[in-house]
Amino acid sequence: MASSSAEDPPWWRVDADGSVTLTINAQPGSKRTEVAGVHGGALKIRVASPAVEGKANEELRRFLAEAFGVPLRNVALARGETSRRKTLRVASPAQRPDRLWGR
């Protein structure tokens, strides 16, 4: 069972096991990887890698792993491998930067 409240953003969910699930609108090919607000009900993240051979997905996973203070293996791409709209799951987050993103 996921925990959420009326004031939680639609792109963010905390699952019963403490993992964080994020809906992301990725913008590959940017100058740097950074959170850029909210777009269409998803957290917009600019990604400093091209959308070629999974490079942007790996950069996005690396960025989230660093932000949440977890090893790369704790960040899984659940949906959207070839789409800009992605769902990623962060297991056992040590930090919670998502609480400030897009609010």
PDB file of N, CA and C in Angstrom:
ATOM      1  N   MET A   1       0.845  -1.183   0.000  1.00  0.00           N
ATOM      2  CA  MET A   1       0.000   0.000   0.000  1.00  0.00           C
ATOM      3  C   MET A   1       0.880   1.232   0.000  1.00  0.00           C
ATOM      4  N   ALA A   2       0.641   2.144  -0.914  1.00  0.00           N
ATOM      5  CA  ALA A   2       1.416   3.372  -1.021  1.00  0.00           C
ATOM      6  C   ALA A   2       0.829   4.431  -0.105  1.00  0.00           C
ATOM      7  N   SER A   3       1.711   5.296   0.391  1.00  0.00           N
ATOM      8  CA  SER A   3       1.225   6.389   1.213  1.00  0.00           C
ATOM      9  C   SER A   3       1.201   7.656   0.382  1.00  0.00           C
ATOM     10  N   SER A   4       0.116   8.376   0.479  1.00  0.00           N
ATOM     11  CA  SER A   4       0.003   9.647  -0.221  1.00  0.00           C
ATOM     12  C   SER A   4      -1.066  10.472   0.464  1.00  0.00           C
ATOM     13  N   SER A   5      -1.013  11.769   0.214  1.00  0.00           N
ATOM     14  CA  SER A   5      -2.023  12.653   0.759  1.00  0.00           C
ATOM     15  C   SER A   5      -2.457  13.614  -0.335  1.00  0.00           C
ATOM     16  N   ALA A   6      -3.470  14.390  -0.058  1.00  0.00           N
ATOM     17  CA  ALA A   6      -4.028  15.298  -1.059  1.00  0.00           C
ATOM     18  C   ALA A   6      -3.007  16.319  -1.532  1.00  0.00           C
ATOM     19  N   GLU A   7      -2.033  16.681  -0.677  1.00  0.00           N
ATOM     20  CA  GLU A   7      -1.066  17.674  -1.101  1.00  0.00           C
ATOM     21  C   GLU A   7       0.177  17.095  -1.786  1.00  0.00           C
ATOM     22  N   ASP A   8       0.276  15.771  -1.879  1.00  0.00           N
ATOM     23  CA  ASP A   8       1.401  15.153  -2.585  1.00  0.00           C
ATOM     24  C   ASP A   8       1.267  15.402  -4.086  1.00  0.00           C
ATOM     25  N   PRO A   9       2.379  15.689  -4.759  1.00  0.00           N
ATOM     26  CA  PRO A   9       2.314  15.900  -6.215  1.00  0.00           C
ATOM     27  C   PRO A   9       2.014  14.588  -6.938  1.00  0.00           C
ATOM     28  N   PRO A  10       1.394  14.656  -8.123  1.00  0.00           N
ATOM     29  CA  PRO A  10       1.005  13.440  -8.841  1.00  0.00           C
ATOM     30  C   PRO A  10       2.189  12.619  -9.358  1.00  0.00           C
ATOM     31  N   TRP A  11       3.373  13.193  -9.416  1.00  0.00           N
ATOM     32  CA  TRP A  11       4.554  12.504  -9.946  1.00  0.00           C
ATOM     33  C   TRP A  11       5.342  11.751  -8.873  1.00  0.00           C
ATOM     34  N   TRP A  12       4.873  11.752  -7.660  1.00  0.00           N
ATOM     35  CA  TRP A  12       5.633  11.256  -6.517  1.00  0.00           C
ATOM     36  C   TRP A  12       4.808  10.289  -5.688  1.00  0.00           C
ATOM     37  N   ARG A  13       5.416   9.158  -5.308  1.00  0.00           N
ATOM     38  CA  ARG A  13       4.727   8.191  -4.446  1.00  0.00           C
ATOM     39  C   ARG A  13       5.752   7.498  -3.561  1.00  0.00           C
ATOM     40  N   VAL A  14       5.403   7.318  -2.303  1.00  0.00           N
ATOM     41  CA  VAL A  14       6.227   6.533  -1.382  1.00  0.00           C
ATOM     42  C   VAL A  14       5.496   5.219  -1.158  1.00  0.00           C
ATOM     43  N   ASP A  15       6.168   4.114  -1.447  1.00  0.00           N
ATOM     44  CA  ASP A  15       5.562   2.794  -1.302  1.00  0.00           C
ATOM     45  C   ASP A  15       5.700   2.293   0.133  1.00  0.00           C
ATOM     46  N   ALA A  16       4.969   1.254   0.471  1.00  0.00           N
ATOM     47  CA  ALA A  16       4.946   0.711   1.829  1.00  0.00           C
ATOM     48  C   ALA A  16       6.331   0.293   2.317  1.00  0.00           C
ATOM     49  N   ASP A  17       7.205  -0.126   1.394  1.00  0.00           N
ATOM     50  CA  ASP A  17       8.554  -0.548   1.790  1.00  0.00           C
ATOM     51  C   ASP A  17       9.525   0.626   1.912  1.00  0.00           C
ATOM     52  N   GLY A  18       9.031   1.861   1.735  1.00  0.00           N
ATOM     53  CA  GLY A  18       9.873   3.046   1.860  1.00  0.00           C
ATOM     54  C   GLY A  18      10.509   3.504   0.555  1.00  0.00           C
ATOM     55  N   SER A  19      10.333   2.724  -0.505  1.00  0.00           N
ATOM     56  CA  SER A  19      10.898   3.123  -1.797  1.00  0.00           C
ATOM     57  C   SER A  19      10.093   4.291  -2.358  1.00  0.00           C
ATOM     58  N   VAL A  20      10.745   5.074  -3.208  1.00  0.00           N
ATOM     59  CA  VAL A  20      10.123   6.242  -3.824  1.00  0.00           C
ATOM     60  C   VAL A  20       9.954   5.959  -5.311  1.00  0.00           C
ATOM     61  N   THR A  21       8.746   6.181  -5.817  1.00  0.00           N
ATOM     62  CA  THR A  21       8.468   6.012  -7.239  1.00  0.00           C
ATOM     63  C   THR A  21       8.209   7.389  -7.836  1.00  0.00           C
ATOM     64  N   LEU A  22       8.935   7.708  -8.909  1.00  0.00           N
ATOM     65  CA  LEU A  22       8.841   9.012  -9.555  1.00  0.00           C
ATOM     66  C   LEU A  22       8.389   8.870 -11.002  1.00  0.00           C
ATOM     67  N   THR A  23       7.485   9.734 -11.426  1.00  0.00           N
ATOM     68  CA  THR A  23       7.122   9.843 -12.834  1.00  0.00           C
ATOM     69  C   THR A  23       7.902  11.036 -13.366  1.00  0.00           C
ATOM     70  N   ILE A  24       8.706  10.788 -14.398  1.00  0.00           N
ATOM     71  CA  ILE A  24       9.644  11.793 -14.891  1.00  0.00           C
ATOM     72  C   ILE A  24       9.429  12.066 -16.366  1.00  0.00           C
ATOM     73  N   ASN A  25       9.512  13.336 -16.724  1.00  0.00           N
ATOM     74  CA  ASN A  25       9.564  13.754 -18.118  1.00  0.00           C
ATOM     75  C   ASN A  25      11.026  14.118 -18.378  1.00  0.00           C
ATOM     76  N   ALA A  26      11.737  13.248 -19.079  1.00  0.00           N
ATOM     77  CA  ALA A  26      13.168  13.443 -19.321  1.00  0.00           C
ATOM     78  C   ALA A  26      13.393  14.278 -20.576  1.00  0.00           C
ATOM     79  N   GLN A  27      14.346  15.195 -20.504  1.00  0.00           N
ATOM     80  CA  GLN A  27      14.727  16.016 -21.649  1.00  0.00           C
ATOM     81  C   GLN A  27      16.209  15.737 -21.929  1.00  0.00           C
ATOM     82  N   PRO A  28      16.498  14.773 -22.801  1.00  0.00           N
ATOM     83  CA  PRO A  28      17.893  14.421 -23.079  1.00  0.00           C
ATOM     84  C   PRO A  28      18.611  15.483 -23.912  1.00  0.00           C
ATOM     85  N   GLY A  29      19.937  15.444 -23.886  1.00  0.00           N
ATOM     86  CA  GLY A  29      20.749  16.341 -24.696  1.00  0.00           C
ATOM     87  C   GLY A  29      20.938  17.724 -24.104  1.00  0.00           C
ATOM     88  N   SER A  30      20.710  17.889 -22.815  1.00  0.00           N
ATOM     89  CA  SER A  30      20.888  19.182 -22.159  1.00  0.00           C
ATOM     90  C   SER A  30      22.344  19.406 -21.792  1.00  0.00           C
ATOM     91  N   LYS A  31      22.672  20.628 -21.397  1.00  0.00           N
ATOM     92  CA  LYS A  31      24.047  20.942 -21.003  1.00  0.00           C
ATOM     93  C   LYS A  31      24.436  20.249 -19.705  1.00  0.00           C
ATOM     94  N   ARG A  32      23.474  20.136 -18.777  1.00  0.00           N
ATOM     95  CA  ARG A  32      23.750  19.451 -17.512  1.00  0.00           C
ATOM     96  C   ARG A  32      22.496  18.735 -17.037  1.00  0.00           C
ATOM     97  N   THR A  33      22.684  17.778 -16.164  1.00  0.00           N
ATOM     98  CA  THR A  33      21.564  17.036 -15.613  1.00  0.00           C
ATOM     99  C   THR A  33      21.065  17.780 -14.378  1.00  0.00           C
ATOM    100  N   GLU A  34      19.757  18.117 -14.397  1.00  0.00           N
ATOM    101  CA  GLU A  34      19.186  18.886 -13.295  1.00  0.00           C
ATOM    102  C   GLU A  34      17.668  18.790 -13.315  1.00  0.00           C
ATOM    103  N   VAL A  35      17.069  19.004 -12.157  1.00  0.00           N
ATOM    104  CA  VAL A  35      15.618  19.076 -12.050  1.00  0.00           C
ATOM    105  C   VAL A  35      15.191  20.433 -12.595  1.00  0.00           C
ATOM    106  N   ALA A  36      14.162  20.426 -13.448  1.00  0.00           N
ATOM    107  CA  ALA A  36      13.720  21.658 -14.102  1.00  0.00           C
ATOM    108  C   ALA A  36      12.251  21.961 -13.840  1.00  0.00           C
ATOM    109  N   GLY A  37      11.701  21.472 -12.741  1.00  0.00           N
ATOM    110  CA  GLY A  37      10.315  21.768 -12.410  1.00  0.00           C
ATOM    111  C   GLY A  37       9.376  20.623 -12.734  1.00  0.00           C
ATOM    112  N   VAL A  38       8.132  20.982 -13.012  1.00  0.00           N
ATOM    113  CA  VAL A  38       7.096  19.996 -13.301  1.00  0.00           C
ATOM    114  C   VAL A  38       6.516  20.291 -14.676  1.00  0.00           C
ATOM    115  N   HIS A  39       6.259  19.238 -15.445  1.00  0.00           N
ATOM    116  CA  HIS A  39       5.694  19.391 -16.781  1.00  0.00           C
ATOM    117  C   HIS A  39       4.687  18.266 -17.017  1.00  0.00           C
ATOM    118  N   GLY A  40       3.447  18.634 -17.266  1.00  0.00           N
ATOM    119  CA  GLY A  40       2.419  17.643 -17.583  1.00  0.00           C
ATOM    120  C   GLY A  40       2.207  16.582 -16.523  1.00  0.00           C
ATOM    121  N   GLY A  41       2.251  16.961 -15.252  1.00  0.00           N
ATOM    122  CA  GLY A  41       2.031  16.004 -14.176  1.00  0.00           C
ATOM    123  C   GLY A  41       3.211  15.104 -13.878  1.00  0.00           C
ATOM    124  N   ALA A  42       4.382  15.446 -14.440  1.00  0.00           N
ATOM    125  CA  ALA A  42       5.602  14.664 -14.199  1.00  0.00           C
ATOM    126  C   ALA A  42       6.722  15.609 -13.795  1.00  0.00           C
ATOM    127  N   LEU A  43       7.680  15.105 -13.052  1.00  0.00           N
ATOM    128  CA  LEU A  43       8.859  15.873 -12.689  1.00  0.00           C
ATOM    129  C   LEU A  43       9.748  15.981 -13.923  1.00  0.00           C
ATOM    130  N   LYS A  44      10.091  17.188 -14.328  1.00  0.00           N
ATOM    131  CA  LYS A  44      10.921  17.387 -15.517  1.00  0.00           C
ATOM    132  C   LYS A  44      12.390  17.405 -15.100  1.00  0.00           C
ATOM    133  N   ILE A  45      13.171  16.528 -15.732  1.00  0.00           N
ATOM    134  CA  ILE A  45      14.607  16.487 -15.478  1.00  0.00           C
ATOM    135  C   ILE A  45      15.335  16.615 -16.804  1.00  0.00           C
ATOM    136  N   ARG A  46      16.207  17.620 -16.888  1.00  0.00           N
ATOM    137  CA  ARG A  46      17.082  17.773 -18.049  1.00  0.00           C
ATOM    138  C   ARG A  46      18.238  16.797 -17.871  1.00  0.00           C
ATOM    139  N   VAL A  47      18.577  16.084 -18.941  1.00  0.00           N
ATOM    140  CA  VAL A  47      19.596  15.035 -18.864  1.00  0.00           C
ATOM    141  C   VAL A  47      20.749  15.367 -19.810  1.00  0.00           C
ATOM    142  N   ALA A  48      21.957  15.371 -19.271  1.00  0.00           N
ATOM    143  CA  ALA A  48      23.153  15.737 -20.034  1.00  0.00           C
ATOM    144  C   ALA A  48      23.742  14.559 -20.800  1.00  0.00           C
ATOM    145  N   SER A  49      22.893  13.827 -21.472  1.00  0.00           N
ATOM    146  CA  SER A  49      23.320  12.729 -22.343  1.00  0.00           C
ATOM    147  C   SER A  49      22.321  12.632 -23.478  1.00  0.00           C
ATOM    148  N   PRO A  50      22.781  12.179 -24.643  1.00  0.00           N
ATOM    149  CA  PRO A  50      21.846  12.014 -25.758  1.00  0.00           C
ATOM    150  C   PRO A  50      20.965  10.778 -25.556  1.00  0.00           C
ATOM    151  N   ALA A  51      19.824  10.780 -26.209  1.00  0.00           N
ATOM    152  CA  ALA A  51      18.902   9.636 -26.146  1.00  0.00           C
ATOM    153  C   ALA A  51      19.334   8.581 -27.160  1.00  0.00           C
ATOM    154  N   VAL A  52      20.553   8.070 -26.989  1.00  0.00           N
ATOM    155  CA  VAL A  52      21.131   7.094 -27.905  1.00  0.00           C
ATOM    156  C   VAL A  52      21.644   5.912 -27.097  1.00  0.00           C
ATOM    157  N   GLU A  53      21.224   4.710 -27.472  1.00  0.00           N
ATOM    158  CA  GLU A  53      21.704   3.471 -26.852  1.00  0.00           C
ATOM    159  C   GLU A  53      21.599   3.464 -25.334  1.00  0.00           C
ATOM    160  N   GLY A  54      20.536   4.051 -24.796  1.00  0.00           N
ATOM    161  CA  GLY A  54      20.300   4.026 -23.357  1.00  0.00           C
ATOM    162  C   GLY A  54      21.164   4.959 -22.532  1.00  0.00           C
ATOM    163  N   LYS A  55      21.940   5.821 -23.183  1.00  0.00           N
ATOM    164  CA  LYS A  55      22.840   6.713 -22.432  1.00  0.00           C
ATOM    165  C   LYS A  55      22.081   7.689 -21.547  1.00  0.00           C
ATOM    166  N   ALA A  56      20.974   8.247 -22.042  1.00  0.00           N
ATOM    167  CA  ALA A  56      20.190   9.183 -21.235  1.00  0.00           C
ATOM    168  C   ALA A  56      19.557   8.473 -20.036  1.00  0.00           C
ATOM    169  N   ASN A  57      19.090   7.250 -20.223  1.00  0.00           N
ATOM    170  CA  ASN A  57      18.518   6.495 -19.100  1.00  0.00           C
ATOM    171  C   ASN A  57      19.569   6.228 -18.031  1.00  0.00           C
ATOM    172  N   GLU A  58      20.769   5.868 -18.444  1.00  0.00           N
ATOM    173  CA  GLU A  58      21.841   5.612 -17.473  1.00  0.00           C
ATOM    174  C   GLU A  58      22.238   6.881 -16.739  1.00  0.00           C
ATOM    175  N   GLU A  59      22.287   8.007 -17.440  1.00  0.00           N
ATOM    176  CA  GLU A  59      22.606   9.281 -16.793  1.00  0.00           C
ATOM    177  C   GLU A  59      21.509   9.673 -15.809  1.00  0.00           C
ATOM    178  N   LEU A  60      20.265   9.444 -16.177  1.00  0.00           N
ATOM    179  CA  LEU A  60      19.144   9.733 -15.285  1.00  0.00           C
ATOM    180  C   LEU A  60      19.221   8.863 -14.027  1.00  0.00           C
ATOM    181  N   ARG A  61      19.498   7.595 -14.184  1.00  0.00           N
ATOM    182  CA  ARG A  61      19.657   6.686 -13.029  1.00  0.00           C
ATOM    183  C   ARG A  61      20.819   7.140 -12.147  1.00  0.00           C
ATOM    184  N   ARG A  62      21.943   7.509 -12.768  1.00  0.00           N
ATOM    185  CA  ARG A  62      23.107   7.978 -12.013  1.00  0.00           C
ATOM    186  C   ARG A  62      22.766   9.226 -11.206  1.00  0.00           C
ATOM    187  N   PHE A  63      22.078  10.185 -11.845  1.00  0.00           N
ATOM    188  CA  PHE A  63      21.676  11.427 -11.184  1.00  0.00           C
ATOM    189  C   PHE A  63      20.787  11.136  -9.971  1.00  0.00           C
ATOM    190  N   LEU A  64      19.791  10.278 -10.149  1.00  0.00           N
ATOM    191  CA  LEU A  64      18.886   9.954  -9.048  1.00  0.00           C
ATOM    192  C   LEU A  64      19.596   9.190  -7.940  1.00  0.00           C
ATOM    193  N   ALA A  65      20.487   8.276  -8.297  1.00  0.00           N
ATOM    194  CA  ALA A  65      21.247   7.533  -7.282  1.00  0.00           C
ATOM    195  C   ALA A  65      22.064   8.492  -6.420  1.00  0.00           C
ATOM    196  N   GLU A  66      22.717   9.436  -7.058  1.00  0.00           N
ATOM    197  CA  GLU A  66      23.519  10.413  -6.318  1.00  0.00           C
ATOM    198  C   GLU A  66      22.625  11.301  -5.451  1.00  0.00           C
ATOM    199  N   ALA A  67      21.524  11.779  -6.017  1.00  0.00           N
ATOM    200  CA  ALA A  67      20.622  12.663  -5.283  1.00  0.00           C
ATOM    201  C   ALA A  67      20.011  11.984  -4.051  1.00  0.00           C
ATOM    202  N   PHE A  68      19.658  10.703  -4.183  1.00  0.00           N
ATOM    203  CA  PHE A  68      19.027   9.979  -3.080  1.00  0.00           C
ATOM    204  C   PHE A  68      20.046   9.283  -2.177  1.00  0.00           C
ATOM    205  N   GLY A  69      21.327   9.351  -2.523  1.00  0.00           N
ATOM    206  CA  GLY A  69      22.370   8.755  -1.692  1.00  0.00           C
ATOM    207  C   GLY A  69      22.340   7.240  -1.670  1.00  0.00           C
ATOM    208  N   VAL A  70      22.060   6.635  -2.839  1.00  0.00           N
ATOM    209  CA  VAL A  70      21.985   5.179  -2.927  1.00  0.00           C
ATOM    210  C   VAL A  70      22.906   4.668  -4.032  1.00  0.00           C
ATOM    211  N   PRO A  71      23.257   3.383  -3.994  1.00  0.00           N
ATOM    212  CA  PRO A  71      24.016   2.813  -5.101  1.00  0.00           C
ATOM    213  C   PRO A  71      23.160   2.765  -6.364  1.00  0.00           C
ATOM    214  N   LEU A  72      23.795   2.776  -7.508  1.00  0.00           N
ATOM    215  CA  LEU A  72      23.095   2.759  -8.792  1.00  0.00           C
ATOM    216  C   LEU A  72      22.112   1.598  -8.889  1.00  0.00           C
ATOM    217  N   ARG A  73      22.446   0.454  -8.310  1.00  0.00           N
ATOM    218  CA  ARG A  73      21.565  -0.722  -8.381  1.00  0.00           C
ATOM    219  C   ARG A  73      20.223  -0.485  -7.686  1.00  0.00           C
ATOM    220  N   ASN A  74      20.115   0.534  -6.829  1.00  0.00           N
ATOM    221  CA  ASN A  74      18.864   0.835  -6.129  1.00  0.00           C
ATOM    222  C   ASN A  74      17.908   1.693  -6.948  1.00  0.00           C
ATOM    223  N   VAL A  75      18.341   2.134  -8.134  1.00  0.00           N
ATOM    224  CA  VAL A  75      17.481   2.954  -8.994  1.00  0.00           C
ATOM    225  C   VAL A  75      17.119   2.127 -10.221  1.00  0.00           C
ATOM    226  N   ALA A  76      15.825   1.819 -10.346  1.00  0.00           N
ATOM    227  CA  ALA A  76      15.359   0.964 -11.443  1.00  0.00           C
ATOM    228  C   ALA A  76      14.406   1.728 -12.349  1.00  0.00           C
ATOM    229  N   LEU A  77      14.593   1.549 -13.634  1.00  0.00           N
ATOM    230  CA  LEU A  77      13.683   2.097 -14.633  1.00  0.00           C
ATOM    231  C   LEU A  77      12.530   1.112 -14.767  1.00  0.00           C
ATOM    232  N   ALA A  78      11.357   1.492 -14.275  1.00  0.00           N
ATOM    233  CA  ALA A  78      10.206   0.588 -14.282  1.00  0.00           C
ATOM    234  C   ALA A  78       9.403   0.674 -15.573  1.00  0.00           C
ATOM    235  N   ARG A  79       9.394   1.854 -16.201  1.00  0.00           N
ATOM    236  CA  ARG A  79       8.581   2.075 -17.388  1.00  0.00           C
ATOM    237  C   ARG A  79       9.177   3.204 -18.217  1.00  0.00           C
ATOM    238  N   GLY A  80       9.067   3.104 -19.545  1.00  0.00           N
ATOM    239  CA  GLY A  80       9.435   4.202 -20.425  1.00  0.00           C
ATOM    240  C   GLY A  80      10.847   4.183 -20.965  1.00  0.00           C
ATOM    241  N   GLU A  81      11.386   3.013 -21.229  1.00  0.00           N
ATOM    242  CA  GLU A  81      12.769   2.901 -21.688  1.00  0.00           C
ATOM    243  C   GLU A  81      13.061   3.761 -22.914  1.00  0.00           C
ATOM    244  N   THR A  82      12.134   3.830 -23.882  1.00  0.00           N
ATOM    245  CA  THR A  82      12.370   4.596 -25.105  1.00  0.00           C
ATOM    246  C   THR A  82      11.509   5.858 -25.188  1.00  0.00           C
ATOM    247  N   SER A  83      10.839   6.207 -24.110  1.00  0.00           N
ATOM    248  CA  SER A  83       9.952   7.367 -24.075  1.00  0.00           C
ATOM    249  C   SER A  83      10.553   8.468 -23.208  1.00  0.00           C
ATOM    250  N   ARG A  84      10.102   9.693 -23.411  1.00  0.00           N
ATOM    251  CA  ARG A  84      10.511  10.785 -22.514  1.00  0.00           C
ATOM    252  C   ARG A  84       9.842  10.634 -21.154  1.00  0.00           C
ATOM    253  N   ARG A  85       8.649  10.071 -21.138  1.00  0.00           N
ATOM    254  CA  ARG A  85       7.889   9.864 -19.905  1.00  0.00           C
ATOM    255  C   ARG A  85       8.346   8.547 -19.290  1.00  0.00           C
ATOM    256  N   LYS A  86       8.886   8.602 -18.094  1.00  0.00           N
ATOM    257  CA  LYS A  86       9.480   7.432 -17.454  1.00  0.00           C
ATOM    258  C   LYS A  86       8.981   7.285 -16.024  1.00  0.00           C
ATOM    259  N   THR A  87       9.008   6.062 -15.539  1.00  0.00           N
ATOM    260  CA  THR A  87       8.729   5.786 -14.137  1.00  0.00           C
ATOM    261  C   THR A  87       9.974   5.114 -13.579  1.00  0.00           C
ATOM    262  N   LEU A  88      10.530   5.716 -12.528  1.00  0.00           N
ATOM    263  CA  LEU A  88      11.712   5.152 -11.877  1.00  0.00           C
ATOM    264  C   LEU A  88      11.426   4.916 -10.411  1.00  0.00           C
ATOM    265  N   ARG A  89      12.030   3.865  -9.881  1.00  0.00           N
ATOM    266  CA  ARG A  89      11.841   3.492  -8.478  1.00  0.00           C
ATOM    267  C   ARG A  89      13.187   3.539  -7.772  1.00  0.00           C
ATOM    268  N   VAL A  90      13.213   4.243  -6.636  1.00  0.00           N
ATOM    269  CA  VAL A  90      14.424   4.355  -5.831  1.00  0.00           C
ATOM    270  C   VAL A  90      14.200   3.559  -4.550  1.00  0.00           C
ATOM    271  N   ALA A  91      14.974   2.492  -4.374  1.00  0.00           N
ATOM    272  CA  ALA A  91      14.838   1.631  -3.192  1.00  0.00           C
ATOM    273  C   ALA A  91      15.739   2.129  -2.065  1.00  0.00           C
ATOM    274  N   SER A  92      15.247   2.096  -0.852  1.00  0.00           N
ATOM    275  CA  SER A  92      15.988   2.438   0.364  1.00  0.00           C
ATOM    276  C   SER A  92      16.705   3.781   0.280  1.00  0.00           C
ATOM    277  N   PRO A  93      15.988   4.865  -0.019  1.00  0.00           N
ATOM    278  CA  PRO A  93      16.660   6.165  -0.146  1.00  0.00           C
ATOM    279  C   PRO A  93      17.281   6.621   1.169  1.00  0.00           C
ATOM    280  N   ALA A  94      18.531   7.081   1.108  1.00  0.00           N
ATOM    281  CA  ALA A  94      19.225   7.598   2.280  1.00  0.00           C
ATOM    282  C   ALA A  94      18.919   9.080   2.472  1.00  0.00           C
ATOM    283  N   GLN A  95      18.612   9.761   1.384  1.00  0.00           N
ATOM    284  CA  GLN A  95      18.266  11.183   1.392  1.00  0.00           C
ATOM    285  C   GLN A  95      16.948  11.332   0.659  1.00  0.00           C
ATOM    286  N   ARG A  96      16.245  12.438   0.870  1.00  0.00           N
ATOM    287  CA  ARG A  96      14.948  12.647   0.237  1.00  0.00           C
ATOM    288  C   ARG A  96      14.859  14.021  -0.445  1.00  0.00           C
ATOM    289  N   PRO A  97      15.633  14.248  -1.501  1.00  0.00           N
ATOM    290  CA  PRO A  97      15.560  15.529  -2.203  1.00  0.00           C
ATOM    291  C   PRO A  97      14.235  15.738  -2.916  1.00  0.00           C
ATOM    292  N   ASP A  98      13.519  14.656  -3.200  1.00  0.00           N
ATOM    293  CA  ASP A  98      12.234  14.735  -3.902  1.00  0.00           C
ATOM    294  C   ASP A  98      11.204  15.557  -3.149  1.00  0.00           C
ATOM    295  N   ARG A  99      11.356  15.681  -1.853  1.00  0.00           N
ATOM    296  CA  ARG A  99      10.404  16.462  -1.049  1.00  0.00           C
ATOM    297  C   ARG A  99      10.443  17.945  -1.420  1.00  0.00           C
ATOM    298  N   LEU A 100      11.547  18.401  -1.984  1.00  0.00           N
ATOM    299  CA  LEU A 100      11.685  19.806  -2.364  1.00  0.00           C
ATOM    300  C   LEU A 100      11.508  20.044  -3.852  1.00  0.00           C
ATOM    301  N   TRP A 101      11.655  19.023  -4.664  1.00  0.00           N
ATOM    302  CA  TRP A 101      11.574  19.176  -6.115  1.00  0.00           C
ATOM    303  C   TRP A 101      10.161  19.492  -6.570  1.00  0.00           C
ATOM    304  N   GLY A 102      10.022  20.460  -7.427  1.00  0.00           N
ATOM    305  CA  GLY A 102       8.764  20.758  -8.075  1.00  0.00           C
ATOM    306  C   GLY A 102       7.655  21.258  -7.169  1.00  0.00           C
ATOM    307  N   ARG A 103       7.983  21.711  -6.002  1.00  0.00           N
ATOM    308  CA  ARG A 103       6.938  22.194  -5.070  1.00  0.00           C
ATOM    309  C   ARG A 103       6.895  23.703  -5.071  1.00  0.00           C
TER     310      ARG A 103
END
